[in-house]
Amino acid sequence: MKSAVASECEQHVGRRDCPDALINYSAKFDEYGIIVHDGGSSSISIDYCPWCGSKLPEPQRDRWFDELEKLGITDPIEQEIPEVFADGRWRNNKKQNKSQHPTA
């Protein structure tokens, strides 16, 4: 799975532009998805590796919003969010994360 989300294409600037890029990984949400190649940024969340069937980590999207809400941030699009929430670092913050899991 790691190689599927780390692949780079010499012909396309972004992974989403390459028709050979199938899987997206969001470090912010610890979430895997199948890329929807329609020119946008959509992907369809998946719970299992499409190649081996292994269970993927539980997505942390809901928890991300819950943690921001605890900080008084109810609209992360309109409100400024702490930089640590821009990627997966927020999950490693001991004050906000008492248990963590490795990514697949």
PDB file of N, CA and C in Angstrom:
ATOM      1  N   MET A   1       0.830  -1.188   0.000  1.00  0.00           N
ATOM      2  CA  MET A   1       0.000   0.000   0.000  1.00  0.00           C
ATOM      3  C   MET A   1       0.878   1.255   0.000  1.00  0.00           C
ATOM      4  N   LYS A   2       1.984   1.209   0.736  1.00  0.00           N
ATOM      5  CA  LYS A   2       2.856   2.384   0.791  1.00  0.00           C
ATOM      6  C   LYS A   2       3.363   2.763  -0.589  1.00  0.00           C
ATOM      7  N   SER A   3       3.710   1.765  -1.404  1.00  0.00           N
ATOM      8  CA  SER A   3       4.202   2.076  -2.750  1.00  0.00           C
ATOM      9  C   SER A   3       3.086   2.650  -3.623  1.00  0.00           C
ATOM     10  N   ALA A   4       1.854   2.247  -3.380  1.00  0.00           N
ATOM     11  CA  ALA A   4       0.727   2.757  -4.165  1.00  0.00           C
ATOM     12  C   ALA A   4       0.468   4.234  -3.900  1.00  0.00           C
ATOM     13  N   VAL A   5       0.716   4.694  -2.682  1.00  0.00           N
ATOM     14  CA  VAL A   5       0.464   6.104  -2.364  1.00  0.00           C
ATOM     15  C   VAL A   5       1.705   6.966  -2.535  1.00  0.00           C
ATOM     16  N   ALA A   6       2.857   6.340  -2.729  1.00  0.00           N
ATOM     17  CA  ALA A   6       4.098   7.099  -2.887  1.00  0.00           C
ATOM     18  C   ALA A   6       4.558   7.180  -4.336  1.00  0.00           C
ATOM     19  N   SER A   7       3.826   6.558  -5.240  1.00  0.00           N
ATOM     20  CA  SER A   7       4.252   6.547  -6.638  1.00  0.00           C
ATOM     21  C   SER A   7       4.262   7.960  -7.217  1.00  0.00           C
ATOM     22  N   GLU A   8       5.230   8.197  -8.097  1.00  0.00           N
ATOM     23  CA  GLU A   8       5.338   9.481  -8.778  1.00  0.00           C
ATOM     24  C   GLU A   8       5.369   9.233 -10.275  1.00  0.00           C
ATOM     25  N   CYS A   9       4.843  10.152 -11.025  1.00  0.00           N
ATOM     26  CA  CYS A   9       4.771  10.025 -12.471  1.00  0.00           C
ATOM     27  C   CYS A   9       5.628  11.110 -13.111  1.00  0.00           C
ATOM     28  N   GLU A  10       6.441  10.717 -14.066  1.00  0.00           N
ATOM     29  CA  GLU A  10       7.293  11.680 -14.763  1.00  0.00           C
ATOM     30  C   GLU A  10       6.496  12.530 -15.750  1.00  0.00           C
ATOM     31  N   GLN A  11       5.308  12.085 -16.124  1.00  0.00           N
ATOM     32  CA  GLN A  11       4.515  12.786 -17.131  1.00  0.00           C
ATOM     33  C   GLN A  11       3.483  13.747 -16.542  1.00  0.00           C
ATOM     34  N   HIS A  12       3.185  13.601 -15.251  1.00  0.00           N
ATOM     35  CA  HIS A  12       2.152  14.430 -14.632  1.00  0.00           C
ATOM     36  C   HIS A  12       2.700  15.128 -13.395  1.00  0.00           C
ATOM     37  N   VAL A  13       2.331  16.381 -13.236  1.00  0.00           N
ATOM     38  CA  VAL A  13       2.808  17.171 -12.098  1.00  0.00           C
ATOM     39  C   VAL A  13       2.232  16.653 -10.783  1.00  0.00           C
ATOM     40  N   GLY A  14       0.937  16.431 -10.740  1.00  0.00           N
ATOM     41  CA  GLY A  14       0.287  15.955  -9.522  1.00  0.00           C
ATOM     42  C   GLY A  14      -0.151  14.509  -9.649  1.00  0.00           C
ATOM     43  N   ARG A  15      -0.164  13.800  -8.535  1.00  0.00           N
ATOM     44  CA  ARG A  15      -0.588  12.392  -8.540  1.00  0.00           C
ATOM     45  C   ARG A  15      -2.014  12.241  -9.059  1.00  0.00           C
ATOM     46  N   ARG A  16      -2.883  13.169  -8.723  1.00  0.00           N
ATOM     47  CA  ARG A  16      -4.284  13.062  -9.140  1.00  0.00           C
ATOM     48  C   ARG A  16      -4.457  13.249 -10.644  1.00  0.00           C
ATOM     49  N   ASP A  17      -3.456  13.822 -11.296  1.00  0.00           N
ATOM     50  CA  ASP A  17      -3.514  13.997 -12.750  1.00  0.00           C
ATOM     51  C   ASP A  17      -3.116  12.731 -13.495  1.00  0.00           C
ATOM     52  N   CYS A  18      -2.452  11.820 -12.821  1.00  0.00           N
ATOM     53  CA  CYS A  18      -1.952  10.600 -13.452  1.00  0.00           C
ATOM     54  C   CYS A  18      -3.007   9.493 -13.369  1.00  0.00           C
ATOM     55  N   PRO A  19      -3.434   8.952 -14.511  1.00  0.00           N
ATOM     56  CA  PRO A  19      -4.439   7.887 -14.472  1.00  0.00           C
ATOM     57  C   PRO A  19      -3.930   6.591 -13.840  1.00  0.00           C
ATOM     58  N   ASP A  20      -2.611   6.460 -13.697  1.00  0.00           N
ATOM     59  CA  ASP A  20      -2.050   5.265 -13.064  1.00  0.00           C
ATOM     60  C   ASP A  20      -2.052   5.352 -11.539  1.00  0.00           C
ATOM     61  N   ALA A  21      -2.220   6.557 -10.992  1.00  0.00           N
ATOM     62  CA  ALA A  21      -2.293   6.730  -9.534  1.00  0.00           C
ATOM     63  C   ALA A  21      -3.710   6.366  -9.100  1.00  0.00           C
ATOM     64  N   LEU A  22      -3.827   5.330  -8.312  1.00  0.00           N
ATOM     65  CA  LEU A  22      -5.152   4.831  -7.936  1.00  0.00           C
ATOM     66  C   LEU A  22      -5.541   5.128  -6.495  1.00  0.00           C
ATOM     67  N   ILE A  23      -4.547   5.163  -5.600  1.00  0.00           N
ATOM     68  CA  ILE A  23      -4.826   5.280  -4.169  1.00  0.00           C
ATOM     69  C   ILE A  23      -4.261   6.586  -3.626  1.00  0.00           C
ATOM     70  N   ASN A  24      -5.054   7.252  -2.814  1.00  0.00           N
ATOM     71  CA  ASN A  24      -4.633   8.471  -2.136  1.00  0.00           C
ATOM     72  C   ASN A  24      -4.545   8.176  -0.638  1.00  0.00           C
ATOM     73  N   TYR A  25      -3.587   8.816   0.029  1.00  0.00           N
ATOM     74  CA  TYR A  25      -3.493   8.716   1.484  1.00  0.00           C
ATOM     75  C   TYR A  25      -3.518  10.120   2.062  1.00  0.00           C
ATOM     76  N   SER A  26      -4.382  10.361   3.006  1.00  0.00           N
ATOM     77  CA  SER A  26      -4.454  11.632   3.712  1.00  0.00           C
ATOM     78  C   SER A  26      -3.840  11.451   5.092  1.00  0.00           C
ATOM     79  N   ALA A  27      -2.659  12.040   5.299  1.00  0.00           N
ATOM     80  CA  ALA A  27      -2.012  11.958   6.612  1.00  0.00           C
ATOM     81  C   ALA A  27      -2.847  12.688   7.665  1.00  0.00           C
ATOM     82  N   LYS A  28      -3.498  13.760   7.248  1.00  0.00           N
ATOM     83  CA  LYS A  28      -4.310  14.533   8.181  1.00  0.00           C
ATOM     84  C   LYS A  28      -5.401  13.666   8.811  1.00  0.00           C
ATOM     85  N   PHE A  29      -6.052  12.840   7.997  1.00  0.00           N
ATOM     86  CA  PHE A  29      -7.149  12.004   8.482  1.00  0.00           C
ATOM     87  C   PHE A  29      -6.757  10.539   8.658  1.00  0.00           C
ATOM     88  N   ASP A  30      -5.509  10.187   8.356  1.00  0.00           N
ATOM     89  CA  ASP A  30      -5.044   8.792   8.387  1.00  0.00           C
ATOM     90  C   ASP A  30      -6.035   7.925   7.610  1.00  0.00           C
ATOM     91  N   GLU A  31      -6.282   8.350   6.371  1.00  0.00           N
ATOM     92  CA  GLU A  31      -7.364   7.773   5.582  1.00  0.00           C
ATOM     93  C   GLU A  31      -6.886   7.447   4.165  1.00  0.00           C
ATOM     94  N   TYR A  32      -7.256   6.270   3.702  1.00  0.00           N
ATOM     95  CA  TYR A  32      -6.937   5.836   2.344  1.00  0.00           C
ATOM     96  C   TYR A  32      -8.186   5.919   1.485  1.00  0.00           C
ATOM     97  N   GLY A  33      -7.993   6.202   0.194  1.00  0.00           N
ATOM     98  CA  GLY A  33      -9.133   6.250  -0.708  1.00  0.00           C
ATOM     99  C   GLY A  33      -8.729   5.985  -2.141  1.00  0.00           C
ATOM    100  N   ILE A  34      -9.686   5.556  -2.930  1.00  0.00           N
ATOM    101  CA  ILE A  34      -9.484   5.378  -4.365  1.00  0.00           C
ATOM    102  C   ILE A  34      -9.738   6.727  -5.026  1.00  0.00           C
ATOM    103  N   ILE A  35      -8.765   7.198  -5.789  1.00  0.00           N
ATOM    104  CA  ILE A  35      -8.853   8.505  -6.433  1.00  0.00           C
ATOM    105  C   ILE A  35      -9.948   8.494  -7.500  1.00  0.00           C
ATOM    106  N   VAL A  36     -10.798   9.519  -7.475  1.00  0.00           N
ATOM    107  CA  VAL A  36     -11.803   9.723  -8.515  1.00  0.00           C
ATOM    108  C   VAL A  36     -11.162  10.663  -9.534  1.00  0.00           C
ATOM    109  N   HIS A  37     -10.842  10.151 -10.691  1.00  0.00           N
ATOM    110  CA  HIS A  37     -10.145  10.939 -11.719  1.00  0.00           C
ATOM    111  C   HIS A  37     -11.136  11.762 -12.541  1.00  0.00           C
ATOM    112  N   ASP A  38     -11.665  12.803 -11.914  1.00  0.00           N
ATOM    113  CA  ASP A  38     -12.607  13.683 -12.606  1.00  0.00           C
ATOM    114  C   ASP A  38     -12.117  15.130 -12.631  1.00  0.00           C
ATOM    115  N   GLY A  39     -10.840  15.325 -12.298  1.00  0.00           N
ATOM    116  CA  GLY A  39     -10.277  16.668 -12.285  1.00  0.00           C
ATOM    117  C   GLY A  39     -10.363  17.349 -10.932  1.00  0.00           C
ATOM    118  N   GLY A  40     -11.074  16.760  -9.996  1.00  0.00           N
ATOM    119  CA  GLY A  40     -11.207  17.333  -8.661  1.00  0.00           C
ATOM    120  C   GLY A  40     -10.311  16.620  -7.665  1.00  0.00           C
ATOM    121  N   SER A  41     -10.633  16.770  -6.397  1.00  0.00           N
ATOM    122  CA  SER A  41      -9.805  16.162  -5.350  1.00  0.00           C
ATOM    123  C   SER A  41     -10.538  15.039  -4.614  1.00  0.00           C
ATOM    124  N   SER A  42     -11.596  14.525  -5.195  1.00  0.00           N
ATOM    125  CA  SER A  42     -12.394  13.480  -4.543  1.00  0.00           C
ATOM    126  C   SER A  42     -11.701  12.129  -4.536  1.00  0.00           C
ATOM    127  N   SER A  43     -12.004  11.385  -3.496  1.00  0.00           N
ATOM    128  CA  SER A  43     -11.599   9.981  -3.437  1.00  0.00           C
ATOM    129  C   SER A  43     -12.670   9.229  -2.650  1.00  0.00           C
ATOM    130  N   ILE A  44     -12.739   7.935  -2.891  1.00  0.00           N
ATOM    131  CA  ILE A  44     -13.709   7.081  -2.207  1.00  0.00           C
ATOM    132  C   ILE A  44     -12.975   6.330  -1.110  1.00  0.00           C
ATOM    133  N   SER A  45     -13.365   6.559   0.134  1.00  0.00           N
ATOM    134  CA  SER A  45     -12.685   5.938   1.273  1.00  0.00           C
ATOM    135  C   SER A  45     -12.749   4.421   1.185  1.00  0.00           C
ATOM    136  N   ILE A  46     -11.648   3.787   1.586  1.00  0.00           N
ATOM    137  CA  ILE A  46     -11.595   2.326   1.617  1.00  0.00           C
ATOM    138  C   ILE A  46     -11.129   1.878   2.996  1.00  0.00           C
ATOM    139  N   ASP A  47     -11.593   0.724   3.417  1.00  0.00           N
ATOM    140  CA  ASP A  47     -11.241   0.174   4.722  1.00  0.00           C
ATOM    141  C   ASP A  47     -10.249  -0.973   4.634  1.00  0.00           C
ATOM    142  N   TYR A  48     -10.083  -1.523   3.428  1.00  0.00           N
ATOM    143  CA  TYR A  48      -9.197  -2.671   3.227  1.00  0.00           C
ATOM    144  C   TYR A  48      -8.298  -2.427   2.025  1.00  0.00           C
ATOM    145  N   CYS A  49      -7.095  -2.960   2.083  1.00  0.00           N
ATOM    146  CA  CYS A  49      -6.160  -2.869   0.968  1.00  0.00           C
ATOM    147  C   CYS A  49      -6.761  -3.603  -0.229  1.00  0.00           C
ATOM    148  N   PRO A  50      -6.845  -2.948  -1.392  1.00  0.00           N
ATOM    149  CA  PRO A  50      -7.441  -3.610  -2.553  1.00  0.00           C
ATOM    150  C   PRO A  50      -6.590  -4.744  -3.123  1.00  0.00           C
ATOM    151  N   TRP A  51      -5.321  -4.840  -2.734  1.00  0.00           N
ATOM    152  CA  TRP A  51      -4.438  -5.874  -3.258  1.00  0.00           C
ATOM    153  C   TRP A  51      -4.343  -7.095  -2.345  1.00  0.00           C
ATOM    154  N   CYS A  52      -4.240  -6.874  -1.042  1.00  0.00           N
ATOM    155  CA  CYS A  52      -4.041  -8.022  -0.145  1.00  0.00           C
ATOM    156  C   CYS A  52      -5.200  -8.243   0.826  1.00  0.00           C
ATOM    157  N   GLY A  53      -6.104  -7.284   0.929  1.00  0.00           N
ATOM    158  CA  GLY A  53      -7.253  -7.432   1.810  1.00  0.00           C
ATOM    159  C   GLY A  53      -7.005  -7.068   3.262  1.00  0.00           C
ATOM    160  N   SER A  54      -5.800  -6.590   3.589  1.00  0.00           N
ATOM    161  CA  SER A  54      -5.498  -6.206   4.975  1.00  0.00           C
ATOM    162  C   SER A  54      -6.373  -5.039   5.418  1.00  0.00           C
ATOM    163  N   LYS A  55      -6.791  -5.080   6.679  1.00  0.00           N
ATOM    164  CA  LYS A  55      -7.570  -3.988   7.259  1.00  0.00           C
ATOM    165  C   LYS A  55      -6.675  -2.763   7.372  1.00  0.00           C
ATOM    166  N   LEU A  56      -7.161  -1.632   6.914  1.00  0.00           N
ATOM    167  CA  LEU A  56      -6.425  -0.374   7.006  1.00  0.00           C
ATOM    168  C   LEU A  56      -6.766   0.307   8.330  1.00  0.00           C
ATOM    169  N   PRO A  57      -5.937   1.265   8.767  1.00  0.00           N
ATOM    170  CA  PRO A  57      -6.233   1.964  10.024  1.00  0.00           C
ATOM    171  C   PRO A  57      -7.606   2.634   9.981  1.00  0.00           C
ATOM    172  N   GLU A  58      -8.217   2.724  11.129  1.00  0.00           N
ATOM    173  CA  GLU A  58      -9.507   3.410  11.241  1.00  0.00           C
ATOM    174  C   GLU A  58      -9.298   4.888  10.883  1.00  0.00           C
ATOM    175  N   PRO A  59     -10.040   5.431   9.919  1.00  0.00           N
ATOM    176  CA  PRO A  59      -9.880   6.846   9.564  1.00  0.00           C
ATOM    177  C   PRO A  59     -10.119   7.747  10.774  1.00  0.00           C
ATOM    178  N   GLN A  60      -9.382   8.829  10.834  1.00  0.00           N
ATOM    179  CA  GLN A  60      -9.458   9.745  11.966  1.00  0.00           C
ATOM    180  C   GLN A  60     -10.154  11.057  11.619  1.00  0.00           C
ATOM    181  N   ARG A  61     -10.898  11.071  10.524  1.00  0.00           N
ATOM    182  CA  ARG A  61     -11.584  12.288  10.065  1.00  0.00           C
ATOM    183  C   ARG A  61     -12.510  12.855  11.154  1.00  0.00           C
ATOM    184  N   ASP A  62     -13.386  12.030  11.715  1.00  0.00           N
ATOM    185  CA  ASP A  62     -14.314  12.513  12.745  1.00  0.00           C
ATOM    186  C   ASP A  62     -13.558  13.017  13.968  1.00  0.00           C
ATOM    187  N   ARG A  63     -12.520  12.299  14.351  1.00  0.00           N
ATOM    188  CA  ARG A  63     -11.722  12.704  15.508  1.00  0.00           C
ATOM    189  C   ARG A  63     -11.031  14.037  15.251  1.00  0.00           C
ATOM    190  N   TRP A  64     -10.564  14.272  14.015  1.00  0.00           N
ATOM    191  CA  TRP A  64      -9.922  15.538  13.638  1.00  0.00           C
ATOM    192  C   TRP A  64     -10.878  16.697  13.925  1.00  0.00           C
ATOM    193  N   PHE A  65     -12.128  16.563  13.456  1.00  0.00           N
ATOM    194  CA  PHE A  65     -13.120  17.609  13.694  1.00  0.00           C
ATOM    195  C   PHE A  65     -13.439  17.736  15.182  1.00  0.00           C
ATOM    196  N   ASP A  66     -13.520  16.616  15.905  1.00  0.00           N
ATOM    197  CA  ASP A  66     -13.783  16.643  17.345  1.00  0.00           C
ATOM    198  C   ASP A  66     -12.686  17.388  18.094  1.00  0.00           C
ATOM    199  N   GLU A  67     -11.431  17.121  17.737  1.00  0.00           N
ATOM    200  CA  GLU A  67     -10.304  17.778  18.410  1.00  0.00           C
ATOM    201  C   GLU A  67     -10.302  19.279  18.133  1.00  0.00           C
ATOM    202  N   LEU A  68     -10.629  19.666  16.906  1.00  0.00           N
ATOM    203  CA  LEU A  68     -10.715  21.096  16.594  1.00  0.00           C
ATOM    204  C   LEU A  68     -11.855  21.749  17.361  1.00  0.00           C
ATOM    205  N   GLU A  69     -12.958  21.043  17.471  1.00  0.00           N
ATOM    206  CA  GLU A  69     -14.103  21.582  18.206  1.00  0.00           C
ATOM    207  C   GLU A  69     -13.751  21.820  19.675  1.00  0.00           C
ATOM    208  N   LYS A  70     -12.938  20.936  20.252  1.00  0.00           N
ATOM    209  CA  LYS A  70     -12.481  21.120  21.638  1.00  0.00           C
ATOM    210  C   LYS A  70     -11.677  22.404  21.787  1.00  0.00           C
ATOM    211  N   LEU A  71     -11.055  22.839  20.688  1.00  0.00           N
ATOM    212  CA  LEU A  71     -10.274  24.078  20.691  1.00  0.00           C
ATOM    213  C   LEU A  71     -11.134  25.289  20.330  1.00  0.00           C
ATOM    214  N   GLY A  72     -12.438  25.067  20.154  1.00  0.00           N
ATOM    215  CA  GLY A  72     -13.344  26.159  19.822  1.00  0.00           C
ATOM    216  C   GLY A  72     -13.436  26.439  18.332  1.00  0.00           C
ATOM    217  N   ILE A  73     -12.890  25.557  17.520  1.00  0.00           N
ATOM    218  CA  ILE A  73     -12.923  25.743  16.071  1.00  0.00           C
ATOM    219  C   ILE A  73     -14.056  24.883  15.517  1.00  0.00           C
ATOM    220  N   THR A  74     -15.100  25.543  15.058  1.00  0.00           N
ATOM    221  CA  THR A  74     -16.264  24.819  14.544  1.00  0.00           C
ATOM    222  C   THR A  74     -16.356  24.856  13.023  1.00  0.00           C
ATOM    223  N   ASP A  75     -15.582  25.737  12.388  1.00  0.00           N
ATOM    224  CA  ASP A  75     -15.585  25.838  10.926  1.00  0.00           C
ATOM    225  C   ASP A  75     -14.144  25.973  10.431  1.00  0.00           C
ATOM    226  N   PRO A  76     -13.459  24.831  10.233  1.00  0.00           N
ATOM    227  CA  PRO A  76     -12.046  24.888   9.853  1.00  0.00           C
ATOM    228  C   PRO A  76     -11.787  25.491   8.474  1.00  0.00           C
ATOM    229  N   ILE A  77     -12.827  25.646   7.670  1.00  0.00           N
ATOM    230  CA  ILE A  77     -12.639  26.309   6.375  1.00  0.00           C
ATOM    231  C   ILE A  77     -12.554  27.817   6.574  1.00  0.00           C
ATOM    232  N   GLU A  78     -13.396  28.343   7.445  1.00  0.00           N
ATOM    233  CA  GLU A  78     -13.445  29.785   7.688  1.00  0.00           C
ATOM    234  C   GLU A  78     -12.507  30.236   8.810  1.00  0.00           C
ATOM    235  N   GLN A  79     -12.276  29.362   9.790  1.00  0.00           N
ATOM    236  CA  GLN A  79     -11.440  29.721  10.931  1.00  0.00           C
ATOM    237  C   GLN A  79     -10.013  29.209  10.727  1.00  0.00           C
ATOM    238  N   GLU A  80      -9.069  29.941  11.269  1.00  0.00           N
ATOM    239  CA  GLU A  80      -7.672  29.505  11.209  1.00  0.00           C
ATOM    240  C   GLU A  80      -7.479  28.328  12.163  1.00  0.00           C
ATOM    241  N   ILE A  81      -6.786  27.307  11.678  1.00  0.00           N
ATOM    242  CA  ILE A  81      -6.530  26.133  12.514  1.00  0.00           C
ATOM    243  C   ILE A  81      -5.044  26.063  12.838  1.00  0.00           C
ATOM    244  N   PRO A  82      -4.682  25.466  13.975  1.00  0.00           N
ATOM    245  CA  PRO A  82      -3.267  25.307  14.310  1.00  0.00           C
ATOM    246  C   PRO A  82      -2.545  24.511  13.218  1.00  0.00           C
ATOM    247  N   GLU A  83      -1.321  24.890  12.933  1.00  0.00           N
ATOM    248  CA  GLU A  83      -0.533  24.263  11.863  1.00  0.00           C
ATOM    249  C   GLU A  83      -0.418  22.753  12.035  1.00  0.00           C
ATOM    250  N   VAL A  84      -0.372  22.285  13.266  1.00  0.00           N
ATOM    251  CA  VAL A  84      -0.221  20.854  13.542  1.00  0.00           C
ATOM    252  C   VAL A  84      -1.396  20.040  12.981  1.00  0.00           C
ATOM    253  N   PHE A  85      -2.539  20.688  12.746  1.00  0.00           N
ATOM    254  CA  PHE A  85      -3.711  19.994  12.210  1.00  0.00           C
ATOM    255  C   PHE A  85      -3.715  19.927  10.683  1.00  0.00           C
ATOM    256  N   ALA A  86      -2.701  20.480  10.042  1.00  0.00           N
ATOM    257  CA  ALA A  86      -2.633  20.466   8.578  1.00  0.00           C
ATOM    258  C   ALA A  86      -2.177  19.113   8.033  1.00  0.00           C
ATOM    259  N   ASP A  87      -1.588  18.295   8.898  1.00  0.00           N
ATOM    260  CA  ASP A  87      -1.115  16.971   8.477  1.00  0.00           C
ATOM    261  C   ASP A  87      -1.338  15.993   9.629  1.00  0.00           C
ATOM    262  N   GLY A  88      -0.577  14.943   9.694  1.00  0.00           N
ATOM    263  CA  GLY A  88      -0.787  13.921  10.710  1.00  0.00           C
ATOM    264  C   GLY A  88      -0.181  14.210  12.069  1.00  0.00           C
ATOM    265  N   ARG A  89       0.486  15.343  12.225  1.00  0.00           N
ATOM    266  CA  ARG A  89       1.145  15.632  13.511  1.00  0.00           C
ATOM    267  C   ARG A  89       0.172  15.733  14.672  1.00  0.00           C
ATOM    268  N   TRP A  90      -1.047  16.156  14.420  1.00  0.00           N
ATOM    269  CA  TRP A  90      -2.006  16.317  15.517  1.00  0.00           C
ATOM    270  C   TRP A  90      -2.270  14.997  16.230  1.00  0.00           C
ATOM    271  N   ARG A  91      -2.155  13.878  15.507  1.00  0.00           N
ATOM    272  CA  ARG A  91      -2.391  12.569  16.132  1.00  0.00           C
ATOM    273  C   ARG A  91      -1.262  12.184  17.074  1.00  0.00           C
ATOM    274  N   ASN A  92      -0.098  12.746  16.873  1.00  0.00           N
ATOM    275  CA  ASN A  92       1.057  12.427  17.708  1.00  0.00           C
ATOM    276  C   ASN A  92       1.177  13.347  18.911  1.00  0.00           C
ATOM    277  N   ASN A  93       0.323  14.347  18.992  1.00  0.00           N
ATOM    278  CA  ASN A  93       0.343  15.289  20.098  1.00  0.00           C
ATOM    279  C   ASN A  93      -0.195  14.587  21.345  1.00  0.00           C
ATOM    280  N   LYS A  94       0.666  14.361  22.327  1.00  0.00           N
ATOM    281  CA  LYS A  94       0.308  13.581  23.525  1.00  0.00           C
ATOM    282  C   LYS A  94      -0.861  14.204  24.297  1.00  0.00           C
ATOM    283  N   LYS A  95      -0.999  15.526  24.255  1.00  0.00           N
ATOM    284  CA  LYS A  95      -2.094  16.168  24.975  1.00  0.00           C
ATOM    285  C   LYS A  95      -3.445  15.814  24.360  1.00  0.00           C
ATOM    286  N   GLN A  96      -3.450  15.567  23.057  1.00  0.00           N
ATOM    287  CA  GLN A  96      -4.710  15.313  22.379  1.00  0.00           C
ATOM    288  C   GLN A  96      -4.871  13.864  21.966  1.00  0.00           C
ATOM    289  N   ASN A  97      -3.817  13.059  22.126  1.00  0.00           N
ATOM    290  CA  ASN A  97      -3.886  11.681  21.648  1.00  0.00           C
ATOM    291  C   ASN A  97      -3.323  10.738  22.688  1.00  0.00           C
ATOM    292  N   LYS A  98      -4.178   9.984  23.306  1.00  0.00           N
ATOM    293  CA  LYS A  98      -3.721   9.056  24.335  1.00  0.00           C
ATOM    294  C   LYS A  98      -3.396   7.691  23.755  1.00  0.00           C
ATOM    295  N   SER A  99      -3.926   7.383  22.579  1.00  0.00           N
ATOM    296  CA  SER A  99      -3.595   6.122  21.917  1.00  0.00           C
ATOM    297  C   SER A  99      -3.371   6.396  20.444  1.00  0.00           C
ATOM    298  N   GLN A 100      -2.384   5.734  19.891  1.00  0.00           N
ATOM    299  CA  GLN A 100      -2.140   5.918  18.477  1.00  0.00           C
ATOM    300  C   GLN A 100      -1.926   4.569  17.827  1.00  0.00           C
ATOM    301  N   HIS A 101      -2.059   4.531  16.535  1.00  0.00           N
ATOM    302  CA  HIS A 101      -1.883   3.291  15.798  1.00  0.00           C
ATOM    303  C   HIS A 101      -0.957   3.552  14.623  1.00  0.00           C
ATOM    304  N   PRO A 102      -0.234   2.552  14.186  1.00  0.00           N
ATOM    305  CA  PRO A 102       0.627   2.738  13.023  1.00  0.00           C
ATOM    306  C   PRO A 102      -0.207   2.763  11.754  1.00  0.00           C
ATOM    307  N   THR A 103       0.284   3.475  10.747  1.00  0.00           N
ATOM    308  CA  THR A 103      -0.407   3.455   9.464  1.00  0.00           C
ATOM    309  C   THR A 103      -0.018   2.208   8.714  1.00  0.00           C
ATOM    310  N   ALA A 104      -0.873   1.779   7.846  1.00  0.00           N
ATOM    311  CA  ALA A 104      -0.640   0.547   7.080  1.00  0.00           C
ATOM    312  C   ALA A 104       0.440   0.745   6.046  1.00  0.00           C
TER     313      ALA A 104
END
